[in-house]
Amino acid sequence: MFLKHYFKVDDQSTNSNFLADFYKNDSKLNLRLAPKLTYAHIYPGPFEKMRVKLAAQVFSESVAAGMFTYLGLEKLPLEANFTIQFISKMDKLFDIFNSSNIPNDKSYRRPFKNTELQRDHLNMMLSFFEKLRVISVNGTDVTARMNFINGWLIAINGLFMLWD
């Protein structure tokens, strides 16, 4: 979805071209900012599109940090900031839902304990998904056809209900 559509919230929009531009520049370097990012992440074939692992690697803090570095170096335009924020938010959301008992420096990857940090991020993502509009490349609003939005809303609300 992210690679073929624009995700719009209020007056800001994601654009996967910023991710592609970042990859094109980063892939040429010996010391890469996002070493796990590959051609298959940016231009997935029919089978790669179904691999959750690839999506999780695209929506990672290392990709967001690398893109933010490129933004600071003016190798990406300021409009890329919303796309970078979206990637970072999705990374934290994945971390909350894929937490484990193994000690971890990433606070969002720690076991879910309904902490203020975790609740605040989940509430922010609820608001984000409620406002999210998915726009096709031809400008048509296709939000109603995007089941993942409702899926995330159900998952987040379900997690909250477990703790009430």
N, C-alpha and C. Protein backbone atom coordinates (compact mmCIF):
# COMPACT_ATOMS: atom_id res chain seq x y z
N MET A 1 0.82 -1.19 0.00
CA MET A 1 0.00 0.00 0.00
C MET A 1 0.87 1.27 0.00
N PHE A 2 1.84 1.29 0.93
CA PHE A 2 2.69 2.46 1.09
C PHE A 2 3.45 2.80 -0.19
N LEU A 3 3.87 1.78 -0.93
CA LEU A 3 4.67 2.02 -2.13
C LEU A 3 3.83 2.45 -3.32
N LYS A 4 2.53 2.16 -3.30
CA LYS A 4 1.67 2.46 -4.46
C LYS A 4 0.68 3.59 -4.22
N HIS A 5 0.55 4.06 -2.98
CA HIS A 5 -0.43 5.08 -2.64
C HIS A 5 0.21 6.17 -1.78
N TYR A 6 -0.48 7.27 -1.70
CA TYR A 6 -0.09 8.35 -0.79
C TYR A 6 -0.94 8.22 0.46
N PHE A 7 -0.31 8.32 1.62
CA PHE A 7 -1.04 8.32 2.89
C PHE A 7 -1.13 9.77 3.34
N LYS A 8 -2.35 10.25 3.48
CA LYS A 8 -2.56 11.66 3.75
C LYS A 8 -3.23 11.84 5.10
N VAL A 9 -2.70 12.73 5.92
CA VAL A 9 -3.29 13.11 7.19
C VAL A 9 -3.25 14.63 7.24
N ASP A 10 -4.43 15.21 7.41
CA ASP A 10 -4.57 16.67 7.38
C ASP A 10 -4.00 17.19 6.06
N ASP A 11 -2.99 18.05 6.11
CA ASP A 11 -2.45 18.61 4.86
C ASP A 11 -1.10 18.00 4.50
N GLN A 12 -0.72 16.92 5.17
CA GLN A 12 0.57 16.29 4.90
C GLN A 12 0.37 14.93 4.23
N SER A 13 1.37 14.52 3.45
CA SER A 13 1.24 13.28 2.69
C SER A 13 2.58 12.55 2.62
N THR A 14 2.51 11.21 2.66
CA THR A 14 3.71 10.41 2.45
C THR A 14 3.95 10.27 0.95
N ASN A 15 5.18 9.96 0.63
CA ASN A 15 5.52 9.70 -0.76
C ASN A 15 6.66 8.68 -0.77
N SER A 16 6.41 7.51 -1.30
CA SER A 16 7.43 6.45 -1.30
C SER A 16 8.61 6.79 -2.21
N ASN A 17 8.46 7.80 -3.05
CA ASN A 17 9.59 8.23 -3.89
C ASN A 17 10.76 8.72 -3.03
N PHE A 18 10.44 9.29 -1.86
CA PHE A 18 11.50 9.73 -0.95
C PHE A 18 12.29 8.53 -0.45
N LEU A 19 11.59 7.45 -0.15
CA LEU A 19 12.25 6.21 0.27
C LEU A 19 13.11 5.65 -0.86
N ALA A 20 12.58 5.66 -2.07
CA ALA A 20 13.33 5.17 -3.24
C ALA A 20 14.58 6.02 -3.48
N ASP A 21 14.45 7.34 -3.36
CA ASP A 21 15.60 8.23 -3.53
C ASP A 21 16.66 7.96 -2.47
N PHE A 22 16.20 7.77 -1.23
CA PHE A 22 17.12 7.44 -0.15
C PHE A 22 17.86 6.14 -0.46
N TYR A 23 17.12 5.12 -0.87
CA TYR A 23 17.73 3.82 -1.19
C TYR A 23 18.75 3.95 -2.32
N LYS A 24 18.39 4.68 -3.38
CA LYS A 24 19.30 4.82 -4.53
C LYS A 24 20.63 5.43 -4.10
N ASN A 25 20.58 6.43 -3.22
CA ASN A 25 21.81 7.06 -2.75
C ASN A 25 22.55 6.19 -1.75
N ASP A 26 21.80 5.62 -0.80
CA ASP A 26 22.41 4.84 0.27
C ASP A 26 23.03 3.54 -0.25
N SER A 27 22.41 2.93 -1.24
CA SER A 27 22.90 1.63 -1.75
C SER A 27 24.25 1.74 -2.45
N LYS A 28 24.63 2.94 -2.83
CA LYS A 28 25.92 3.15 -3.51
C LYS A 28 27.08 3.27 -2.53
N LEU A 29 26.78 3.44 -1.24
CA LEU A 29 27.82 3.68 -0.24
C LEU A 29 28.39 2.38 0.31
N ASN A 30 29.66 2.42 0.70
CA ASN A 30 30.27 1.26 1.36
C ASN A 30 29.73 1.10 2.77
N LEU A 31 29.62 2.19 3.50
CA LEU A 31 29.03 2.18 4.84
C LEU A 31 27.63 2.77 4.73
N ARG A 32 26.66 1.89 4.74
CA ARG A 32 25.28 2.31 4.50
C ARG A 32 24.58 2.68 5.80
N LEU A 33 23.64 3.61 5.70
CA LEU A 33 22.82 4.00 6.85
C LEU A 33 21.70 2.99 7.10
N ALA A 34 21.24 2.34 6.05
CA ALA A 34 20.19 1.32 6.17
C ALA A 34 20.65 0.07 5.42
N PRO A 35 21.57 -0.70 6.01
CA PRO A 35 22.17 -1.83 5.28
C PRO A 35 21.20 -2.96 4.94
N LYS A 36 20.11 -3.09 5.67
CA LYS A 36 19.17 -4.18 5.38
C LYS A 36 18.22 -3.85 4.23
N LEU A 37 18.17 -2.60 3.86
CA LEU A 37 17.27 -2.18 2.78
C LEU A 37 17.82 -2.66 1.43
N THR A 38 16.99 -3.38 0.67
CA THR A 38 17.42 -3.93 -0.61
C THR A 38 16.47 -3.49 -1.72
N TYR A 39 16.83 -3.86 -2.92
CA TYR A 39 16.01 -3.56 -4.09
C TYR A 39 14.60 -4.14 -3.92
N ALA A 40 14.50 -5.33 -3.35
CA ALA A 40 13.20 -5.99 -3.15
C ALA A 40 12.29 -5.22 -2.20
N HIS A 41 12.88 -4.45 -1.30
CA HIS A 41 12.07 -3.62 -0.40
C HIS A 41 11.41 -2.47 -1.15
N ILE A 42 12.12 -1.90 -2.07
CA ILE A 42 11.64 -0.71 -2.79
C ILE A 42 10.81 -1.08 -4.01
N TYR A 43 11.20 -2.14 -4.69
CA TYR A 43 10.51 -2.59 -5.90
C TYR A 43 10.13 -4.06 -5.74
N PRO A 44 9.19 -4.36 -4.84
CA PRO A 44 8.87 -5.76 -4.56
C PRO A 44 8.15 -6.45 -5.71
N GLY A 45 8.49 -7.70 -5.91
CA GLY A 45 7.78 -8.54 -6.87
C GLY A 45 6.51 -9.06 -6.23
N PRO A 46 5.76 -9.90 -6.93
CA PRO A 46 4.48 -10.38 -6.39
C PRO A 46 4.60 -11.16 -5.09
N PHE A 47 5.69 -11.90 -4.90
CA PHE A 47 5.85 -12.68 -3.68
C PHE A 47 6.42 -11.83 -2.54
N GLU A 48 7.28 -10.89 -2.87
CA GLU A 48 7.84 -10.01 -1.84
C GLU A 48 6.77 -9.14 -1.20
N LYS A 49 5.75 -8.78 -1.96
CA LYS A 49 4.68 -7.92 -1.44
C LYS A 49 3.97 -8.54 -0.26
N MET A 50 4.01 -9.86 -0.15
CA MET A 50 3.31 -10.56 0.92
C MET A 50 4.20 -10.84 2.13
N ARG A 51 5.45 -10.47 2.07
CA ARG A 51 6.37 -10.78 3.17
C ARG A 51 6.36 -9.66 4.21
N VAL A 52 5.86 -9.99 5.38
CA VAL A 52 5.77 -9.01 6.48
C VAL A 52 7.16 -8.56 6.89
N LYS A 53 8.12 -9.47 6.82
CA LYS A 53 9.49 -9.13 7.21
C LYS A 53 10.02 -7.95 6.40
N LEU A 54 9.72 -7.91 5.11
CA LEU A 54 10.18 -6.80 4.28
C LEU A 54 9.53 -5.49 4.71
N ALA A 55 8.24 -5.53 5.01
CA ALA A 55 7.55 -4.32 5.48
C ALA A 55 8.14 -3.85 6.80
N ALA A 56 8.41 -4.78 7.70
CA ALA A 56 8.98 -4.42 9.00
C ALA A 56 10.36 -3.80 8.83
N GLN A 57 11.12 -4.26 7.84
CA GLN A 57 12.44 -3.68 7.61
C GLN A 57 12.35 -2.30 6.96
N VAL A 58 11.34 -2.07 6.13
CA VAL A 58 11.14 -0.73 5.56
C VAL A 58 10.71 0.22 6.67
N PHE A 59 9.76 -0.22 7.50
CA PHE A 59 9.27 0.61 8.60
C PHE A 59 10.14 0.39 9.82
N SER A 60 11.41 0.73 9.70
CA SER A 60 12.35 0.55 10.81
C SER A 60 12.97 1.88 11.20
N GLU A 61 13.43 1.91 12.44
CA GLU A 61 14.05 3.13 12.94
C GLU A 61 15.35 3.43 12.19
N SER A 62 16.06 2.40 11.73
CA SER A 62 17.30 2.65 10.99
C SER A 62 17.02 3.33 9.65
N VAL A 63 15.94 2.94 8.99
CA VAL A 63 15.56 3.60 7.73
C VAL A 63 15.14 5.03 8.02
N ALA A 64 14.32 5.23 9.05
CA ALA A 64 13.87 6.58 9.41
C ALA A 64 15.07 7.46 9.78
N ALA A 65 15.99 6.92 10.57
CA ALA A 65 17.17 7.69 10.98
C ALA A 65 18.06 8.02 9.78
N GLY A 66 18.23 7.06 8.88
CA GLY A 66 19.02 7.30 7.68
C GLY A 66 18.40 8.38 6.81
N MET A 67 17.08 8.29 6.63
CA MET A 67 16.39 9.30 5.82
C MET A 67 16.45 10.67 6.49
N PHE A 68 16.35 10.68 7.82
CA PHE A 68 16.44 11.95 8.55
C PHE A 68 17.84 12.56 8.38
N THR A 69 18.85 11.71 8.37
CA THR A 69 20.22 12.18 8.12
C THR A 69 20.31 12.81 6.73
N TYR A 70 19.74 12.14 5.74
CA TYR A 70 19.74 12.69 4.38
C TYR A 70 18.95 14.00 4.32
N LEU A 71 17.88 14.09 5.10
CA LEU A 71 17.11 15.33 5.16
C LEU A 71 17.98 16.46 5.70
N GLY A 72 18.73 16.17 6.77
CA GLY A 72 19.62 17.16 7.36
C GLY A 72 20.75 17.57 6.43
N LEU A 73 21.18 16.64 5.59
CA LEU A 73 22.24 16.93 4.62
C LEU A 73 21.69 17.54 3.33
N GLU A 74 20.38 17.77 3.31
CA GLU A 74 19.66 18.33 2.17
C GLU A 74 19.75 17.43 0.92
N LYS A 75 19.87 16.12 1.15
CA LYS A 75 19.81 15.17 0.04
C LYS A 75 18.38 14.69 -0.18
N LEU A 76 17.50 15.04 0.74
CA LEU A 76 16.06 14.83 0.59
C LEU A 76 15.37 16.16 0.85
N PRO A 77 14.26 16.44 0.17
CA PRO A 77 13.55 17.71 0.39
C PRO A 77 12.82 17.71 1.73
N LEU A 78 12.47 18.88 2.21
CA LEU A 78 11.74 19.01 3.48
C LEU A 78 10.41 18.26 3.48
N GLU A 79 9.81 18.10 2.30
CA GLU A 79 8.54 17.39 2.20
C GLU A 79 8.67 15.92 2.62
N ALA A 80 9.89 15.41 2.65
CA ALA A 80 10.13 14.02 3.04
C ALA A 80 9.94 13.81 4.54
N ASN A 81 9.88 14.88 5.31
CA ASN A 81 9.79 14.77 6.76
C ASN A 81 8.57 13.97 7.21
N PHE A 82 7.41 14.17 6.60
CA PHE A 82 6.21 13.43 7.01
C PHE A 82 6.36 11.94 6.71
N THR A 83 6.98 11.60 5.60
CA THR A 83 7.24 10.20 5.26
C THR A 83 8.17 9.58 6.30
N ILE A 84 9.19 10.31 6.70
CA ILE A 84 10.14 9.83 7.71
C ILE A 84 9.41 9.62 9.04
N GLN A 85 8.58 10.58 9.43
CA GLN A 85 7.81 10.45 10.67
C GLN A 85 6.89 9.24 10.62
N PHE A 86 6.25 9.01 9.48
CA PHE A 86 5.37 7.87 9.32
C PHE A 86 6.14 6.56 9.51
N ILE A 87 7.30 6.45 8.89
CA ILE A 87 8.12 5.24 9.02
C ILE A 87 8.50 5.02 10.48
N SER A 88 8.90 6.07 11.17
CA SER A 88 9.27 5.97 12.58
C SER A 88 8.08 5.55 13.45
N LYS A 89 6.92 6.13 13.20
CA LYS A 89 5.72 5.78 13.97
C LYS A 89 5.33 4.32 13.76
N MET A 90 5.43 3.85 12.53
CA MET A 90 5.09 2.46 12.24
C MET A 90 6.09 1.51 12.90
N ASP A 91 7.37 1.89 12.94
CA ASP A 91 8.37 1.07 13.61
C ASP A 91 8.01 0.88 15.08
N LYS A 92 7.64 1.97 15.74
CA LYS A 92 7.27 1.88 17.16
C LYS A 92 6.01 1.04 17.35
N LEU A 93 5.06 1.18 16.44
CA LEU A 93 3.83 0.39 16.53
C LEU A 93 4.14 -1.10 16.37
N PHE A 94 4.95 -1.44 15.38
CA PHE A 94 5.37 -2.84 15.21
C PHE A 94 6.09 -3.34 16.47
N ASP A 95 6.95 -2.51 17.04
CA ASP A 95 7.69 -2.91 18.24
C ASP A 95 6.75 -3.20 19.40
N ILE A 96 5.74 -2.38 19.59
CA ILE A 96 4.79 -2.60 20.69
C ILE A 96 4.08 -3.93 20.51
N PHE A 97 3.66 -4.23 19.30
CA PHE A 97 2.91 -5.47 19.06
C PHE A 97 3.81 -6.69 18.94
N ASN A 98 5.10 -6.50 18.72
CA ASN A 98 6.03 -7.63 18.61
C ASN A 98 7.02 -7.65 19.77
N SER A 99 6.60 -7.16 20.92
CA SER A 99 7.49 -7.09 22.07
C SER A 99 7.84 -8.49 22.55
N SER A 100 8.95 -8.57 23.31
CA SER A 100 9.37 -9.87 23.85
C SER A 100 9.93 -9.67 25.25
N ASN A 101 10.19 -10.78 25.93
CA ASN A 101 10.73 -10.72 27.29
C ASN A 101 12.23 -10.51 27.30
N ILE A 102 12.86 -10.58 26.16
CA ILE A 102 14.30 -10.38 26.08
C ILE A 102 14.61 -8.91 26.35
N PRO A 103 15.53 -8.62 27.29
CA PRO A 103 15.86 -7.21 27.58
C PRO A 103 16.26 -6.48 26.30
N ASN A 104 15.78 -5.24 26.19
CA ASN A 104 16.03 -4.50 24.96
C ASN A 104 16.20 -3.02 25.27
N ASP A 105 17.09 -2.37 24.55
CA ASP A 105 17.30 -0.94 24.73
C ASP A 105 16.15 -0.12 24.16
N LYS A 106 15.46 -0.66 23.16
CA LYS A 106 14.34 0.05 22.56
C LYS A 106 13.12 -0.08 23.48
N SER A 107 12.70 1.03 24.07
CA SER A 107 11.62 0.98 25.06
C SER A 107 10.31 0.47 24.48
N TYR A 108 10.08 0.66 23.20
CA TYR A 108 8.82 0.19 22.61
C TYR A 108 8.84 -1.33 22.36
N ARG A 109 10.02 -1.92 22.36
CA ARG A 109 10.13 -3.36 22.11
C ARG A 109 10.05 -4.18 23.39
N ARG A 110 10.06 -3.50 24.52
CA ARG A 110 9.94 -4.20 25.80
C ARG A 110 8.53 -4.76 25.95
N PRO A 111 8.34 -5.74 26.84
CA PRO A 111 7.00 -6.32 27.02
C PRO A 111 5.96 -5.24 27.29
N PHE A 112 4.78 -5.42 26.72
CA PHE A 112 3.71 -4.44 26.90
C PHE A 112 3.24 -4.45 28.34
N LYS A 113 3.36 -3.30 28.99
CA LYS A 113 2.94 -3.15 30.39
C LYS A 113 1.98 -1.99 30.56
N ASN A 114 1.44 -1.50 29.46
CA ASN A 114 0.49 -0.40 29.49
C ASN A 114 1.11 0.85 30.12
N THR A 115 2.40 1.08 29.83
CA THR A 115 3.07 2.26 30.36
C THR A 115 2.55 3.52 29.65
N GLU A 116 2.82 4.64 30.24
CA GLU A 116 2.38 5.90 29.65
C GLU A 116 2.97 6.08 28.25
N LEU A 117 4.24 5.73 28.09
CA LEU A 117 4.90 5.84 26.79
C LEU A 117 4.18 4.98 25.75
N GLN A 118 3.87 3.74 26.11
CA GLN A 118 3.18 2.83 25.19
C GLN A 118 1.77 3.32 24.90
N ARG A 119 1.03 3.71 25.94
CA ARG A 119 -0.35 4.20 25.75
C ARG A 119 -0.38 5.44 24.88
N ASP A 120 0.53 6.37 25.15
CA ASP A 120 0.57 7.61 24.37
C ASP A 120 0.80 7.33 22.89
N HIS A 121 1.72 6.41 22.59
CA HIS A 121 1.98 6.10 21.18
C HIS A 121 0.77 5.42 20.55
N LEU A 122 0.16 4.49 21.26
CA LEU A 122 -1.01 3.80 20.72
C LEU A 122 -2.17 4.76 20.50
N ASN A 123 -2.39 5.69 21.44
CA ASN A 123 -3.45 6.69 21.27
C ASN A 123 -3.16 7.61 20.09
N MET A 124 -1.90 7.98 19.94
CA MET A 124 -1.52 8.82 18.80
C MET A 124 -1.75 8.07 17.49
N MET A 125 -1.45 6.77 17.47
CA MET A 125 -1.66 5.97 16.25
C MET A 125 -3.15 5.76 15.99
N LEU A 126 -3.97 5.63 17.04
CA LEU A 126 -5.42 5.56 16.84
C LEU A 126 -5.91 6.80 16.12
N SER A 127 -5.49 7.96 16.63
CA SER A 127 -5.88 9.23 16.01
C SER A 127 -5.35 9.30 14.57
N PHE A 128 -4.12 8.86 14.37
CA PHE A 128 -3.51 8.87 13.04
C PHE A 128 -4.33 8.03 12.06
N PHE A 129 -4.66 6.79 12.44
CA PHE A 129 -5.41 5.90 11.54
C PHE A 129 -6.84 6.39 11.32
N GLU A 130 -7.43 7.05 12.31
CA GLU A 130 -8.78 7.58 12.14
C GLU A 130 -8.80 8.73 11.14
N LYS A 131 -7.72 9.50 11.08
CA LYS A 131 -7.64 10.63 10.15
C LYS A 131 -7.04 10.26 8.80
N LEU A 132 -6.42 9.09 8.72
CA LEU A 132 -5.68 8.68 7.52
C LEU A 132 -6.58 8.54 6.30
N ARG A 133 -6.13 9.12 5.20
CA ARG A 133 -6.78 8.98 3.90
C ARG A 133 -5.74 8.37 2.96
N VAL A 134 -6.15 7.37 2.21
CA VAL A 134 -5.25 6.72 1.25
C VAL A 134 -5.66 7.18 -0.14
N ILE A 135 -4.70 7.79 -0.83
CA ILE A 135 -4.96 8.38 -2.14
C ILE A 135 -4.14 7.62 -3.19
N SER A 136 -4.81 7.20 -4.26
CA SER A 136 -4.11 6.49 -5.34
C SER A 136 -3.29 7.49 -6.15
N VAL A 137 -2.43 6.97 -7.00
CA VAL A 137 -1.57 7.85 -7.81
C VAL A 137 -2.37 8.72 -8.77
N ASN A 138 -3.60 8.30 -9.12
CA ASN A 138 -4.43 9.14 -9.99
C ASN A 138 -5.30 10.12 -9.20
N GLY A 139 -5.11 10.18 -7.87
CA GLY A 139 -5.80 11.16 -7.05
C GLY A 139 -7.11 10.70 -6.44
N THR A 140 -7.49 9.45 -6.65
CA THR A 140 -8.75 8.92 -6.11
C THR A 140 -8.57 8.50 -4.66
N ASP A 141 -9.54 8.85 -3.82
CA ASP A 141 -9.52 8.43 -2.42
C ASP A 141 -9.96 6.97 -2.34
N VAL A 142 -9.05 6.09 -1.94
CA VAL A 142 -9.34 4.65 -1.88
C VAL A 142 -9.33 4.14 -0.43
N THR A 143 -9.51 5.05 0.51
CA THR A 143 -9.45 4.71 1.93
C THR A 143 -10.42 3.60 2.29
N ALA A 144 -11.63 3.64 1.76
CA ALA A 144 -12.66 2.66 2.11
C ALA A 144 -12.25 1.24 1.75
N ARG A 145 -11.36 1.09 0.78
CA ARG A 145 -10.93 -0.25 0.36
C ARG A 145 -9.73 -0.77 1.13
N MET A 146 -9.18 0.04 2.00
CA MET A 146 -7.96 -0.32 2.72
C MET A 146 -8.29 -0.98 4.06
N ASN A 147 -8.29 -2.30 4.08
CA ASN A 147 -8.65 -3.05 5.28
C ASN A 147 -7.63 -2.92 6.41
N PHE A 148 -6.39 -2.59 6.07
CA PHE A 148 -5.37 -2.51 7.11
C PHE A 148 -5.66 -1.42 8.13
N ILE A 149 -6.35 -0.36 7.71
CA ILE A 149 -6.66 0.73 8.65
C ILE A 149 -7.56 0.21 9.75
N ASN A 150 -8.65 -0.42 9.37
CA ASN A 150 -9.56 -0.98 10.36
C ASN A 150 -8.88 -2.08 11.17
N GLY A 151 -8.00 -2.85 10.53
CA GLY A 151 -7.26 -3.89 11.24
C GLY A 151 -6.40 -3.32 12.35
N TRP A 152 -5.70 -2.22 12.07
CA TRP A 152 -4.89 -1.59 13.11
C TRP A 152 -5.77 -0.99 14.21
N LEU A 153 -6.88 -0.37 13.83
CA LEU A 153 -7.78 0.20 14.84
C LEU A 153 -8.30 -0.90 15.77
N ILE A 154 -8.68 -2.04 15.22
CA ILE A 154 -9.17 -3.16 16.03
C ILE A 154 -8.05 -3.69 16.93
N ALA A 155 -6.86 -3.86 16.38
CA ALA A 155 -5.74 -4.39 17.16
C ALA A 155 -5.38 -3.47 18.32
N ILE A 156 -5.30 -2.17 18.07
CA ILE A 156 -4.94 -1.22 19.12
C ILE A 156 -6.03 -1.17 20.19
N ASN A 157 -7.29 -1.06 19.76
CA ASN A 157 -8.39 -1.04 20.73
C ASN A 157 -8.46 -2.35 21.50
N GLY A 158 -8.20 -3.46 20.85
CA GLY A 158 -8.20 -4.76 21.52
C GLY A 158 -7.13 -4.84 22.59
N LEU A 159 -5.95 -4.31 22.29
CA LEU A 159 -4.87 -4.30 23.28
C LEU A 159 -5.26 -3.45 24.49
N PHE A 160 -5.89 -2.30 24.24
CA PHE A 160 -6.37 -1.47 25.35
C PHE A 160 -7.41 -2.21 26.18
N MET A 161 -8.31 -2.93 25.52
CA MET A 161 -9.37 -3.64 26.23
C MET A 161 -8.80 -4.75 27.12
N LEU A 162 -7.69 -5.33 26.74
CA LEU A 162 -7.06 -6.35 27.58
C LEU A 162 -6.57 -5.78 28.90
N TRP A 163 -6.29 -4.48 28.91
CA TRP A 163 -5.74 -3.85 30.11
C TRP A 163 -6.78 -3.09 30.92
N ASP A 164 -8.02 -3.03 30.47
CA ASP A 164 -9.08 -2.34 31.23
C ASP A 164 -9.68 -3.25 32.27
